[in-house]
């Protein structure tokens, strides 16, 4: 065997890797530039993150529920030309069409 020093062969193409990375970055930059040029609305887009509306919380939830409950009770009592719930249940019992279901 000989003792002369040899370098290892270069099996990793670093030049190609750098070229591919720069090509991808250039393509992404070109896409951004084209979007900026073709769509003028993209230049003037406001920052939406800064202007979120606050959550829509109810200021008086108890009164809102009472109003809802009163409207439902009126509907069950026959408001709006409907048959009151007690009368409807009595009609079903008189017809005898209510069947037990498993």
Protein backbone atom coordinates (compact mmCIF):
# COMPACT_ATOMS: atom_id res chain seq x y z
CA UNK A 1 0.00 0.00 0.00
CA UNK A 2 1.07 3.46 -0.60
CA UNK A 3 0.96 6.26 1.94
CA UNK A 4 0.17 9.12 -0.45
CA UNK A 5 -2.76 11.28 0.65
CA UNK A 6 -5.76 11.39 -1.63
CA UNK A 7 -8.90 13.46 -1.24
CA UNK A 8 -12.30 11.87 -1.30
CA UNK A 9 -14.35 12.32 -4.42
CA UNK A 10 -16.99 15.05 -4.25
CA UNK A 11 -20.27 13.12 -4.32
CA UNK A 12 -22.51 15.93 -3.06
CA UNK A 13 -23.27 18.47 -5.78
CA UNK A 14 -23.33 21.62 -3.65
CA UNK A 15 -23.40 23.84 -6.72
CA UNK A 16 -26.62 22.27 -7.98
CA UNK A 17 -28.23 22.45 -4.55
CA UNK A 18 -27.51 26.15 -4.22
CA UNK A 19 -28.75 26.72 -7.77
CA UNK A 20 -32.05 24.93 -7.07
CA UNK A 21 -32.59 26.84 -3.82
CA UNK A 22 -31.91 30.17 -5.51
CA UNK A 23 -34.17 29.19 -8.41
CA UNK A 24 -37.07 28.40 -6.08
CA UNK A 25 -36.57 31.66 -4.18
CA UNK A 26 -36.42 33.59 -7.45
CA UNK A 27 -39.59 31.91 -8.71
CA UNK A 28 -41.43 32.78 -5.49
CA UNK A 29 -40.25 36.38 -5.75
CA UNK A 30 -41.37 36.53 -9.37
CA UNK A 31 -44.82 35.22 -8.41
CA UNK A 32 -45.18 37.85 -5.68
CA UNK A 33 -44.08 40.59 -8.06
CA UNK A 34 -46.53 39.47 -10.76
CA UNK A 35 -49.40 39.37 -8.30
CA UNK A 36 -48.45 42.85 -7.08
CA UNK A 37 -48.35 44.17 -10.66
CA UNK A 38 -51.40 42.40 -12.09
CA UNK A 39 -53.76 42.86 -9.13
CA UNK A 40 -53.62 46.47 -7.94
CA UNK A 41 -56.09 45.65 -5.16
CA UNK A 42 -53.40 43.47 -3.58
CA UNK A 43 -51.29 46.60 -2.97
CA UNK A 44 -54.00 48.43 -1.06
CA UNK A 45 -55.25 45.62 1.17
CA UNK A 46 -55.81 46.85 4.72
CA UNK A 47 -54.39 44.97 7.64
CA UNK A 48 -57.36 42.86 8.75
CA UNK A 49 -55.65 41.54 11.87
CA UNK A 50 -55.64 44.97 13.50
CA UNK A 51 -59.36 45.60 12.99
CA UNK A 52 -61.19 42.61 14.40
CA UNK A 53 -64.60 43.44 15.77
CA UNK A 54 -65.22 42.63 19.41
CA UNK A 55 -67.39 39.60 20.13
CA UNK A 56 -71.10 40.22 19.96
CA UNK A 57 -72.05 39.72 23.57
CA UNK A 58 -75.58 40.21 24.76
CA UNK A 59 -75.87 43.15 27.10
CA UNK A 60 -79.16 41.98 28.63
CA UNK A 61 -79.40 38.19 28.13
CA UNK A 62 -82.08 37.65 30.77
CA UNK A 63 -84.46 40.12 29.14
CA UNK A 64 -83.75 38.63 25.71
CA UNK A 65 -84.55 35.14 26.99
CA UNK A 66 -87.74 36.34 28.66
CA UNK A 67 -88.82 37.97 25.39
CA UNK A 68 -88.08 34.75 23.49
CA UNK A 69 -89.93 32.68 26.08
CA UNK A 70 -92.98 34.97 25.94
CA UNK A 71 -93.08 34.73 22.14
CA UNK A 72 -92.91 30.92 22.32
CA UNK A 73 -95.64 30.75 24.96
CA UNK A 74 -97.85 33.01 22.81
CA UNK A 75 -97.23 30.77 19.80
CA UNK A 76 -98.18 27.68 21.80
CA UNK A 77 -101.30 29.47 23.08
CA UNK A 78 -102.51 30.03 19.51
CA UNK A 79 -101.08 33.38 18.47
CA UNK A 80 -100.99 34.08 14.75
CA UNK A 81 -104.04 31.97 13.89
CA UNK A 82 -102.57 28.70 15.13
CA UNK A 83 -104.39 26.04 17.05
CA UNK A 84 -103.52 26.21 20.74
CA UNK A 85 -101.41 23.28 21.89
CA UNK A 86 -104.01 22.05 24.40
CA UNK A 87 -106.69 21.93 21.69
CA UNK A 88 -104.35 20.13 19.29
CA UNK A 89 -103.49 17.50 21.90
CA UNK A 90 -107.18 16.99 22.69
CA UNK A 91 -107.94 16.46 18.97
CA UNK A 92 -105.23 13.83 18.71
CA UNK A 93 -106.60 12.00 21.74
CA UNK A 94 -110.18 12.12 20.35
CA UNK A 95 -109.11 10.72 16.98
CA UNK A 96 -107.18 7.96 18.64
CA UNK A 97 -104.46 8.09 16.00
CA UNK A 98 -101.64 8.36 18.45
CA UNK A 99 -99.77 5.04 18.33
CA UNK A 100 -97.11 3.86 20.68
CA UNK A 101 -93.74 3.57 19.02
CA UNK A 102 -91.00 1.21 20.10
